[in-house]
């Protein structure tokens, strides 16, 4: 699932079926990162809106 945040970055989001945790990568990076570590970064606000979008997707 690709989600475009307000920062204009495309985030590729992957949900781990077993742990129910989300992983994401910005298209400029190759590595998958856990959301927990990312919440400490400056991208926190973008990720918060990202999580809201994911929650909406889950309800469908």
N, C-alpha and C. Protein backbone atom coordinates (compact mmCIF):
# COMPACT_ATOMS: atom_id res chain seq x y z
N UNK A 1 0.86 -1.18 0.00
CA UNK A 1 0.00 0.00 0.00
C UNK A 1 0.90 1.23 0.00
N UNK A 2 0.66 2.12 -0.94
CA UNK A 2 1.45 3.35 -1.01
C UNK A 2 0.62 4.51 -0.49
N UNK A 3 1.17 5.28 0.41
CA UNK A 3 0.45 6.42 0.96
C UNK A 3 1.28 7.67 0.80
N UNK A 4 0.67 8.71 0.28
CA UNK A 4 1.38 9.97 0.09
C UNK A 4 1.07 10.88 1.27
N UNK A 5 2.08 11.25 2.03
CA UNK A 5 1.86 12.13 3.17
C UNK A 5 1.89 13.58 2.72
N UNK A 6 1.58 14.46 3.65
CA UNK A 6 1.54 15.89 3.32
C UNK A 6 2.91 16.43 2.94
N UNK A 7 3.95 15.73 3.35
CA UNK A 7 5.30 16.18 3.01
C UNK A 7 5.62 15.89 1.55
N UNK A 8 4.69 15.22 0.86
CA UNK A 8 4.94 14.91 -0.54
C UNK A 8 5.79 13.67 -0.72
N UNK A 9 6.04 12.95 0.36
CA UNK A 9 6.81 11.73 0.24
C UNK A 9 5.86 10.56 0.09
N UNK A 10 6.26 9.60 -0.70
CA UNK A 10 5.47 8.37 -0.80
C UNK A 10 6.01 7.37 0.21
N UNK A 11 5.13 6.88 1.04
CA UNK A 11 5.53 5.87 2.02
C UNK A 11 4.96 4.54 1.57
N UNK A 12 5.79 3.55 1.53
CA UNK A 12 5.34 2.21 1.20
C UNK A 12 5.09 1.51 2.54
N UNK A 13 3.86 1.13 2.79
CA UNK A 13 3.50 0.59 4.10
C UNK A 13 3.24 -0.90 4.01
N UNK A 14 3.80 -1.62 4.93
CA UNK A 14 3.63 -3.06 4.96
C UNK A 14 3.15 -3.47 6.35
N UNK A 15 2.11 -4.28 6.41
CA UNK A 15 1.62 -4.73 7.71
C UNK A 15 2.03 -6.18 7.93
N UNK A 16 2.69 -6.42 9.04
CA UNK A 16 3.06 -7.78 9.39
C UNK A 16 1.81 -8.51 9.87
N UNK A 17 1.44 -9.57 9.16
CA UNK A 17 0.18 -10.26 9.45
C UNK A 17 0.19 -10.87 10.85
N UNK A 18 1.34 -11.37 11.27
CA UNK A 18 1.39 -12.10 12.53
C UNK A 18 1.50 -11.18 13.74
N UNK A 19 2.35 -10.17 13.67
CA UNK A 19 2.53 -9.29 14.82
C UNK A 19 1.58 -8.10 14.78
N UNK A 20 0.91 -7.89 13.66
CA UNK A 20 -0.03 -6.78 13.47
C UNK A 20 0.68 -5.42 13.56
N UNK A 21 2.01 -5.42 13.37
CA UNK A 21 2.74 -4.16 13.41
C UNK A 21 2.96 -3.65 12.00
N UNK A 22 3.05 -2.34 11.89
CA UNK A 22 3.26 -1.74 10.59
C UNK A 22 4.73 -1.38 10.38
N UNK A 23 5.17 -1.58 9.16
CA UNK A 23 6.51 -1.15 8.78
C UNK A 23 6.35 -0.25 7.57
N UNK A 24 7.28 0.65 7.40
CA UNK A 24 7.16 1.57 6.28
C UNK A 24 8.54 1.85 5.72
N UNK A 25 8.58 2.32 4.50
CA UNK A 25 9.81 2.90 4.01
C UNK A 25 9.47 4.06 3.11
N UNK A 26 10.27 5.09 3.24
CA UNK A 26 10.15 6.21 2.33
C UNK A 26 10.78 5.73 1.03
N UNK A 27 10.26 6.19 -0.10
CA UNK A 27 10.75 5.67 -1.36
C UNK A 27 12.23 5.94 -1.60
N UNK A 28 12.78 6.94 -0.92
CA UNK A 28 14.19 7.24 -1.13
C UNK A 28 15.10 6.26 -0.38
N UNK A 29 14.51 5.49 0.52
CA UNK A 29 15.31 4.55 1.31
C UNK A 29 14.96 3.12 0.96
N UNK A 30 15.90 2.25 1.11
CA UNK A 30 15.67 0.84 0.78
C UNK A 30 15.22 0.01 1.97
N UNK A 31 15.68 0.40 3.15
CA UNK A 31 15.43 -0.42 4.33
C UNK A 31 14.02 -0.23 4.87
N UNK A 32 13.44 -1.32 5.39
CA UNK A 32 12.17 -1.20 6.11
C UNK A 32 12.50 -0.79 7.54
N UNK A 33 11.71 0.11 8.09
CA UNK A 33 11.92 0.55 9.47
C UNK A 33 10.66 0.28 10.28
N UNK A 34 10.86 -0.08 11.55
CA UNK A 34 9.70 -0.22 12.42
C UNK A 34 9.16 1.16 12.76
N UNK A 35 7.85 1.27 12.88
CA UNK A 35 7.25 2.57 13.17
C UNK A 35 7.70 3.12 14.52
N UNK A 36 7.93 2.23 15.48
CA UNK A 36 8.29 2.69 16.82
C UNK A 36 9.54 3.56 16.79
N UNK A 37 10.56 3.12 16.08
CA UNK A 37 11.79 3.90 16.03
C UNK A 37 11.58 5.21 15.29
N UNK A 38 10.70 5.18 14.30
CA UNK A 38 10.47 6.37 13.49
C UNK A 38 9.74 7.46 14.27
N UNK A 39 8.96 7.05 15.27
CA UNK A 39 8.20 8.04 16.02
C UNK A 39 9.12 9.00 16.77
N UNK A 40 10.37 8.62 16.94
CA UNK A 40 11.31 9.50 17.63
C UNK A 40 11.89 10.55 16.69
N UNK A 41 11.63 10.40 15.40
CA UNK A 41 12.27 11.29 14.43
C UNK A 41 11.43 12.53 14.16
N UNK A 42 11.98 13.41 13.35
CA UNK A 42 11.29 14.64 13.00
C UNK A 42 10.05 14.40 12.15
N UNK A 43 9.94 13.20 11.60
CA UNK A 43 8.81 12.91 10.73
C UNK A 43 7.57 12.51 11.53
N UNK A 44 7.61 12.73 12.83
CA UNK A 44 6.53 12.27 13.71
C UNK A 44 5.15 12.72 13.23
N UNK A 45 5.02 14.01 12.86
CA UNK A 45 3.70 14.51 12.47
C UNK A 45 3.21 13.84 11.19
N UNK A 46 4.11 13.63 10.26
CA UNK A 46 3.73 12.96 9.02
C UNK A 46 3.29 11.53 9.31
N UNK A 47 4.00 10.89 10.23
CA UNK A 47 3.66 9.50 10.55
C UNK A 47 2.34 9.41 11.30
N UNK A 48 2.05 10.44 12.09
CA UNK A 48 0.78 10.42 12.81
C UNK A 48 -0.38 10.46 11.82
N UNK A 49 -0.27 11.31 10.80
CA UNK A 49 -1.32 11.35 9.79
C UNK A 49 -1.32 10.05 8.98
N UNK A 50 -0.14 9.47 8.80
CA UNK A 50 -0.04 8.20 8.10
C UNK A 50 -0.79 7.11 8.86
N UNK A 51 -0.63 7.08 10.18
CA UNK A 51 -1.31 6.08 10.98
C UNK A 51 -2.83 6.26 10.93
N UNK A 52 -3.27 7.52 10.86
CA UNK A 52 -4.71 7.77 10.73
C UNK A 52 -5.23 7.21 9.41
N UNK A 53 -4.46 7.41 8.34
CA UNK A 53 -4.87 6.88 7.04
C UNK A 53 -4.92 5.35 7.06
N UNK A 54 -3.94 4.75 7.72
CA UNK A 54 -3.91 3.30 7.81
C UNK A 54 -5.12 2.79 8.58
N UNK A 55 -5.46 3.48 9.65
CA UNK A 55 -6.62 3.08 10.45
C UNK A 55 -7.89 3.11 9.61
N UNK A 56 -8.00 4.13 8.77
CA UNK A 56 -9.16 4.21 7.88
C UNK A 56 -9.18 3.04 6.91
N UNK A 57 -8.01 2.68 6.37
CA UNK A 57 -7.92 1.56 5.44
C UNK A 57 -8.33 0.26 6.13
N UNK A 58 -7.94 0.11 7.38
CA UNK A 58 -8.25 -1.11 8.12
C UNK A 58 -9.75 -1.30 8.33
N UNK A 59 -10.46 -0.19 8.45
CA UNK A 59 -11.90 -0.28 8.72
C UNK A 59 -12.69 -0.72 7.49
N UNK A 60 -12.08 -0.55 6.31
CA UNK A 60 -12.80 -0.92 5.08
C UNK A 60 -12.97 -2.43 4.98
